[in-house]
N, C-alpha and C. Protein backbone atom coordinates (compact mmCIF):
# COMPACT_ATOMS: atom_id res chain seq x y z
N MET A 1 7.36 22.47 18.24
CA MET A 1 7.54 21.05 18.41
C MET A 1 7.00 20.59 19.75
N PHE A 2 7.45 21.23 20.85
CA PHE A 2 6.98 20.85 22.17
C PHE A 2 5.97 21.85 22.71
N ASP A 3 5.80 22.97 22.01
CA ASP A 3 4.87 24.03 22.42
C ASP A 3 5.22 24.54 23.82
N ILE A 4 6.47 24.95 23.98
CA ILE A 4 6.93 25.50 25.25
C ILE A 4 6.98 27.01 25.10
N GLY A 5 6.33 27.70 26.02
CA GLY A 5 6.28 29.15 25.97
C GLY A 5 7.45 29.78 26.72
N PHE A 6 7.43 31.10 26.75
CA PHE A 6 8.51 31.86 27.38
C PHE A 6 8.62 31.55 28.86
N TRP A 7 7.52 31.57 29.59
CA TRP A 7 7.55 31.36 31.03
C TRP A 7 7.98 29.94 31.39
N GLU A 8 7.64 28.99 30.56
CA GLU A 8 8.10 27.62 30.81
C GLU A 8 9.63 27.54 30.67
N LEU A 9 10.18 28.24 29.65
CA LEU A 9 11.63 28.26 29.48
C LEU A 9 12.32 28.95 30.65
N VAL A 10 11.76 30.04 31.13
CA VAL A 10 12.33 30.74 32.28
C VAL A 10 12.33 29.84 33.50
N THR A 11 11.22 29.14 33.72
CA THR A 11 11.11 28.24 34.87
C THR A 11 12.14 27.11 34.76
N LEU A 12 12.27 26.52 33.56
CA LEU A 12 13.28 25.46 33.37
C LEU A 12 14.70 26.00 33.59
N GLY A 13 14.96 27.19 33.12
CA GLY A 13 16.27 27.81 33.31
C GLY A 13 16.58 28.03 34.78
N LEU A 14 15.61 28.52 35.54
CA LEU A 14 15.82 28.74 36.98
C LEU A 14 16.04 27.42 37.71
N ILE A 15 15.25 26.41 37.38
CA ILE A 15 15.42 25.10 38.01
C ILE A 15 16.79 24.53 37.66
N GLY A 16 17.20 24.65 36.40
CA GLY A 16 18.52 24.19 35.99
C GLY A 16 19.63 24.93 36.71
N LEU A 17 19.46 26.23 36.89
CA LEU A 17 20.45 27.04 37.59
C LEU A 17 20.58 26.60 39.04
N ILE A 18 19.45 26.32 39.68
CA ILE A 18 19.47 25.90 41.08
C ILE A 18 20.07 24.50 41.21
N VAL A 19 19.64 23.57 40.35
CA VAL A 19 20.09 22.18 40.46
C VAL A 19 21.55 22.02 40.01
N LEU A 20 21.90 22.57 38.87
CA LEU A 20 23.23 22.35 38.30
C LEU A 20 24.26 23.37 38.75
N GLY A 21 23.82 24.55 39.05
CA GLY A 21 24.76 25.60 39.43
C GLY A 21 25.21 26.38 38.21
N PRO A 22 25.75 27.56 38.45
CA PRO A 22 26.15 28.43 37.33
C PRO A 22 27.35 27.91 36.54
N ASP A 23 28.13 27.00 37.12
CA ASP A 23 29.31 26.50 36.42
C ASP A 23 28.94 25.45 35.36
N ARG A 24 28.04 24.53 35.70
CA ARG A 24 27.72 23.42 34.80
C ARG A 24 26.55 23.73 33.86
N LEU A 25 25.75 24.73 34.16
CA LEU A 25 24.56 25.02 33.34
C LEU A 25 24.91 25.31 31.87
N PRO A 26 25.93 26.13 31.55
CA PRO A 26 26.24 26.38 30.14
C PRO A 26 26.69 25.10 29.40
N GLU A 27 27.43 24.25 30.07
CA GLU A 27 27.87 23.00 29.45
C GLU A 27 26.67 22.09 29.14
N VAL A 28 25.75 21.98 30.10
CA VAL A 28 24.57 21.15 29.92
C VAL A 28 23.69 21.72 28.81
N ALA A 29 23.54 23.05 28.78
CA ALA A 29 22.73 23.68 27.73
C ALA A 29 23.33 23.43 26.35
N LYS A 30 24.66 23.51 26.27
CA LYS A 30 25.34 23.25 24.99
C LYS A 30 25.14 21.80 24.56
N THR A 31 25.31 20.88 25.48
CA THR A 31 25.12 19.46 25.18
C THR A 31 23.67 19.18 24.77
N LEU A 32 22.74 19.77 25.49
CA LEU A 32 21.32 19.59 25.17
C LEU A 32 21.01 20.15 23.78
N GLY A 33 21.58 21.31 23.45
CA GLY A 33 21.38 21.90 22.12
C GLY A 33 21.94 21.01 21.03
N THR A 34 23.09 20.40 21.28
CA THR A 34 23.69 19.49 20.31
C THR A 34 22.78 18.28 20.07
N TRP A 35 22.24 17.71 21.14
CA TRP A 35 21.35 16.55 21.01
C TRP A 35 20.06 16.92 20.27
N VAL A 36 19.53 18.09 20.54
CA VAL A 36 18.30 18.52 19.84
C VAL A 36 18.58 18.67 18.35
N ARG A 37 19.74 19.26 17.99
CA ARG A 37 20.11 19.39 16.58
C ARG A 37 20.24 18.03 15.90
N LYS A 38 20.88 17.09 16.60
CA LYS A 38 21.04 15.75 16.03
C LYS A 38 19.69 15.07 15.85
N LEU A 39 18.80 15.22 16.82
CA LEU A 39 17.48 14.61 16.70
C LEU A 39 16.68 15.22 15.55
N ARG A 40 16.78 16.52 15.37
CA ARG A 40 16.09 17.17 14.25
C ARG A 40 16.64 16.70 12.91
N ALA A 41 17.96 16.58 12.82
CA ALA A 41 18.58 16.11 11.58
C ALA A 41 18.16 14.67 11.30
N LEU A 42 18.12 13.83 12.32
CA LEU A 42 17.69 12.45 12.15
C LEU A 42 16.24 12.39 11.70
N SER A 43 15.39 13.21 12.30
CA SER A 43 13.98 13.25 11.92
C SER A 43 13.83 13.69 10.46
N ARG A 44 14.57 14.70 10.07
CA ARG A 44 14.51 15.19 8.69
C ARG A 44 15.00 14.12 7.72
N SER A 45 16.05 13.40 8.10
CA SER A 45 16.60 12.34 7.26
C SER A 45 15.59 11.21 7.08
N ILE A 46 14.95 10.81 8.16
CA ILE A 46 13.95 9.74 8.08
C ILE A 46 12.77 10.17 7.22
N THR A 47 12.32 11.40 7.40
CA THR A 47 11.20 11.91 6.60
C THR A 47 11.54 11.92 5.11
N ASP A 48 12.73 12.38 4.78
CA ASP A 48 13.16 12.40 3.37
C ASP A 48 13.22 11.00 2.79
N GLU A 49 13.75 10.06 3.56
CA GLU A 49 13.85 8.68 3.10
C GLU A 49 12.48 8.07 2.86
N LEU A 50 11.55 8.32 3.76
CA LEU A 50 10.19 7.80 3.60
C LEU A 50 9.51 8.40 2.37
N GLU A 51 9.72 9.69 2.13
CA GLU A 51 9.14 10.32 0.94
C GLU A 51 9.72 9.72 -0.33
N ARG A 52 11.02 9.45 -0.35
CA ARG A 52 11.64 8.83 -1.53
C ARG A 52 11.09 7.43 -1.76
N GLU A 53 10.95 6.66 -0.68
CA GLU A 53 10.41 5.31 -0.81
C GLU A 53 8.97 5.34 -1.33
N LEU A 54 8.18 6.28 -0.84
CA LEU A 54 6.80 6.40 -1.30
C LEU A 54 6.75 6.78 -2.78
N GLU A 55 7.63 7.67 -3.20
CA GLU A 55 7.68 8.05 -4.61
C GLU A 55 8.10 6.88 -5.49
N ILE A 56 9.07 6.10 -5.02
CA ILE A 56 9.50 4.92 -5.76
C ILE A 56 8.36 3.92 -5.88
N GLN A 57 7.64 3.73 -4.78
CA GLN A 57 6.51 2.79 -4.81
C GLN A 57 5.43 3.26 -5.79
N ASN A 58 5.13 4.55 -5.79
CA ASN A 58 4.13 5.08 -6.72
C ASN A 58 4.58 4.90 -8.17
N LEU A 59 5.86 5.15 -8.45
CA LEU A 59 6.38 4.97 -9.80
C LEU A 59 6.33 3.50 -10.21
N ARG A 60 6.64 2.60 -9.28
CA ARG A 60 6.59 1.18 -9.57
C ARG A 60 5.17 0.74 -9.91
N GLU A 61 4.19 1.22 -9.13
CA GLU A 61 2.79 0.88 -9.41
C GLU A 61 2.34 1.41 -10.77
N GLU A 62 2.78 2.63 -11.08
CA GLU A 62 2.43 3.22 -12.37
C GLU A 62 3.04 2.41 -13.52
N LEU A 63 4.30 2.00 -13.35
CA LEU A 63 4.94 1.19 -14.39
C LEU A 63 4.24 -0.16 -14.56
N GLU A 64 3.83 -0.78 -13.46
CA GLU A 64 3.13 -2.06 -13.56
C GLU A 64 1.80 -1.90 -14.27
N ALA A 65 1.08 -0.81 -13.99
CA ALA A 65 -0.20 -0.57 -14.66
C ALA A 65 0.02 -0.36 -16.16
N LYS A 66 1.05 0.40 -16.52
CA LYS A 66 1.32 0.62 -17.94
C LYS A 66 1.78 -0.67 -18.62
N ASN A 67 2.54 -1.47 -17.90
CA ASN A 67 2.98 -2.74 -18.45
C ASN A 67 1.78 -3.65 -18.72
N ARG A 68 0.82 -3.69 -17.79
CA ARG A 68 -0.39 -4.50 -18.00
C ARG A 68 -1.15 -4.01 -19.23
N ALA A 69 -1.25 -2.68 -19.40
CA ALA A 69 -1.95 -2.12 -20.56
C ALA A 69 -1.24 -2.50 -21.85
N ILE A 70 0.09 -2.47 -21.84
CA ILE A 70 0.86 -2.83 -23.04
C ILE A 70 0.66 -4.30 -23.37
N VAL A 71 0.70 -5.15 -22.35
CA VAL A 71 0.50 -6.58 -22.59
C VAL A 71 -0.89 -6.83 -23.15
N GLU A 72 -1.89 -6.15 -22.60
CA GLU A 72 -3.26 -6.31 -23.09
C GLU A 72 -3.37 -5.86 -24.55
N GLN A 73 -2.77 -4.73 -24.86
CA GLN A 73 -2.81 -4.23 -26.24
C GLN A 73 -2.08 -5.18 -27.19
N SER A 74 -0.96 -5.72 -26.73
CA SER A 74 -0.21 -6.63 -27.61
C SER A 74 -1.00 -7.92 -27.86
N LYS A 75 -1.73 -8.39 -26.85
CA LYS A 75 -2.57 -9.58 -27.06
C LYS A 75 -3.68 -9.29 -28.08
N LYS A 76 -4.29 -8.10 -27.94
CA LYS A 76 -5.34 -7.72 -28.90
C LYS A 76 -4.76 -7.61 -30.30
N LEU A 77 -3.58 -7.02 -30.39
CA LEU A 77 -2.94 -6.85 -31.69
C LEU A 77 -2.58 -8.20 -32.29
N ALA A 78 -2.03 -9.09 -31.48
CA ALA A 78 -1.67 -10.42 -31.98
C ALA A 78 -2.90 -11.17 -32.44
N GLU A 79 -3.98 -11.02 -31.71
CA GLU A 79 -5.24 -11.68 -32.10
C GLU A 79 -5.75 -11.10 -33.42
N ALA A 80 -5.67 -9.78 -33.54
CA ALA A 80 -6.16 -9.15 -34.76
C ALA A 80 -5.27 -9.50 -35.96
N LEU A 81 -3.99 -9.60 -35.73
CA LEU A 81 -3.07 -9.92 -36.82
C LEU A 81 -3.15 -11.39 -37.25
N SER A 82 -3.64 -12.22 -36.36
CA SER A 82 -3.73 -13.64 -36.72
C SER A 82 -4.93 -13.92 -37.63
N LYS A 83 -5.86 -12.97 -37.73
CA LYS A 83 -7.02 -13.14 -38.61
C LYS A 83 -6.68 -12.68 -40.03
N PRO A 84 -7.22 -13.33 -40.99
CA PRO A 84 -7.07 -12.81 -42.36
C PRO A 84 -7.80 -11.46 -42.47
N VAL A 85 -7.30 -10.59 -43.31
CA VAL A 85 -7.86 -9.25 -43.46
C VAL A 85 -9.32 -9.30 -43.87
N GLU A 86 -9.69 -10.25 -44.69
CA GLU A 86 -11.06 -10.33 -45.18
C GLU A 86 -12.06 -10.65 -44.08
N THR A 87 -11.62 -11.29 -43.00
CA THR A 87 -12.54 -11.69 -41.94
C THR A 87 -12.73 -10.62 -40.86
N ILE A 88 -11.95 -9.55 -40.91
CA ILE A 88 -12.09 -8.49 -39.91
C ILE A 88 -13.37 -7.72 -40.20
N THR A 89 -14.20 -7.59 -39.20
CA THR A 89 -15.47 -6.90 -39.38
C THR A 89 -15.26 -5.40 -39.27
N GLU A 90 -16.23 -4.67 -39.74
CA GLU A 90 -16.19 -3.21 -39.65
C GLU A 90 -16.15 -2.76 -38.19
N GLU A 91 -16.86 -3.44 -37.31
CA GLU A 91 -16.89 -3.09 -35.88
C GLU A 91 -15.51 -3.26 -35.24
N GLU A 92 -14.83 -4.35 -35.58
CA GLU A 92 -13.50 -4.58 -35.04
C GLU A 92 -12.53 -3.51 -35.53
N PHE A 93 -12.66 -3.11 -36.78
CA PHE A 93 -11.80 -2.06 -37.33
C PHE A 93 -12.03 -0.74 -36.61
N ARG A 94 -13.29 -0.39 -36.39
CA ARG A 94 -13.60 0.86 -35.69
C ARG A 94 -13.10 0.83 -34.24
N GLN A 95 -13.22 -0.33 -33.59
CA GLN A 95 -12.73 -0.46 -32.22
C GLN A 95 -11.21 -0.27 -32.18
N HIS A 96 -10.52 -0.84 -33.16
CA HIS A 96 -9.07 -0.69 -33.24
C HIS A 96 -8.70 0.78 -33.45
N GLN A 97 -9.41 1.48 -34.31
CA GLN A 97 -9.16 2.89 -34.55
C GLN A 97 -9.39 3.71 -33.27
N ALA A 98 -10.46 3.38 -32.54
CA ALA A 98 -10.76 4.09 -31.30
C ALA A 98 -9.67 3.85 -30.26
N ASP A 99 -9.18 2.61 -30.16
CA ASP A 99 -8.10 2.30 -29.23
C ASP A 99 -6.84 3.08 -29.57
N ARG A 100 -6.52 3.17 -30.84
CA ARG A 100 -5.35 3.93 -31.27
C ARG A 100 -5.50 5.41 -30.93
N ALA A 101 -6.70 5.96 -31.14
CA ALA A 101 -6.93 7.37 -30.82
C ALA A 101 -6.79 7.61 -29.32
N ASP A 102 -7.30 6.70 -28.50
CA ASP A 102 -7.17 6.84 -27.05
C ASP A 102 -5.71 6.81 -26.63
N ASN A 103 -4.93 5.91 -27.20
CA ASN A 103 -3.51 5.82 -26.86
C ASN A 103 -2.77 7.07 -27.29
N THR A 104 -3.10 7.63 -28.44
CA THR A 104 -2.45 8.84 -28.91
C THR A 104 -2.76 10.00 -28.00
N LEU A 105 -4.00 10.12 -27.56
CA LEU A 105 -4.37 11.20 -26.66
C LEU A 105 -3.69 11.07 -25.31
N SER A 106 -3.60 9.87 -24.79
CA SER A 106 -2.98 9.68 -23.47
C SER A 106 -1.48 9.96 -23.53
N LYS A 107 -0.83 9.77 -24.68
CA LYS A 107 0.59 10.08 -24.80
C LYS A 107 0.82 11.58 -24.82
N LYS A 108 -0.12 12.34 -25.36
CA LYS A 108 0.07 13.78 -25.48
C LYS A 108 -0.17 14.49 -24.15
N GLN A 109 -0.95 13.92 -23.24
CA GLN A 109 -1.23 14.55 -21.97
C GLN A 109 -0.06 14.33 -21.03
N PRO A 110 0.40 15.41 -20.34
CA PRO A 110 1.52 15.24 -19.40
C PRO A 110 1.08 14.41 -18.21
N PRO A 111 1.97 13.63 -17.63
CA PRO A 111 1.59 12.81 -16.47
C PRO A 111 1.24 13.71 -15.30
N SER A 112 0.23 13.31 -14.57
CA SER A 112 -0.20 14.12 -13.43
C SER A 112 0.70 13.83 -12.24
N GLU A 113 1.14 14.89 -11.58
CA GLU A 113 1.99 14.75 -10.41
C GLU A 113 1.14 15.05 -9.19
N GLU A 114 1.10 14.09 -8.29
CA GLU A 114 0.31 14.24 -7.08
C GLU A 114 1.24 14.37 -5.90
N ARG A 115 1.75 15.56 -5.69
CA ARG A 115 2.65 15.81 -4.55
C ARG A 115 1.93 16.69 -3.56
N SER A 116 2.25 16.44 -2.36
CA SER A 116 1.62 17.25 -1.31
C SER A 116 2.61 18.19 -0.69
């Protein structure tokens, strides 16, 4: 985290021993250790919360995209159903069949998970 080596720790310990004295040094070290633990826990908590928020945002975007696709398909279907059967061209029928095949294939494929 701070990239402190052995000799840096020894130097800090000696300076602390000289400045604080042998009586207060263990208390200060204990307090400092407690604060470092709390800071690490807080950092971990914030990171977890941000990851959850990002996942929620990704799911929301995916749902909105699927909702737009459903609305588009329903408009196409409503338009196709409003025509008499005799007026539907062969091309429109084939396009409808292709759209159905695409939707069937996309349902069978598992959703891709992009986690790092």
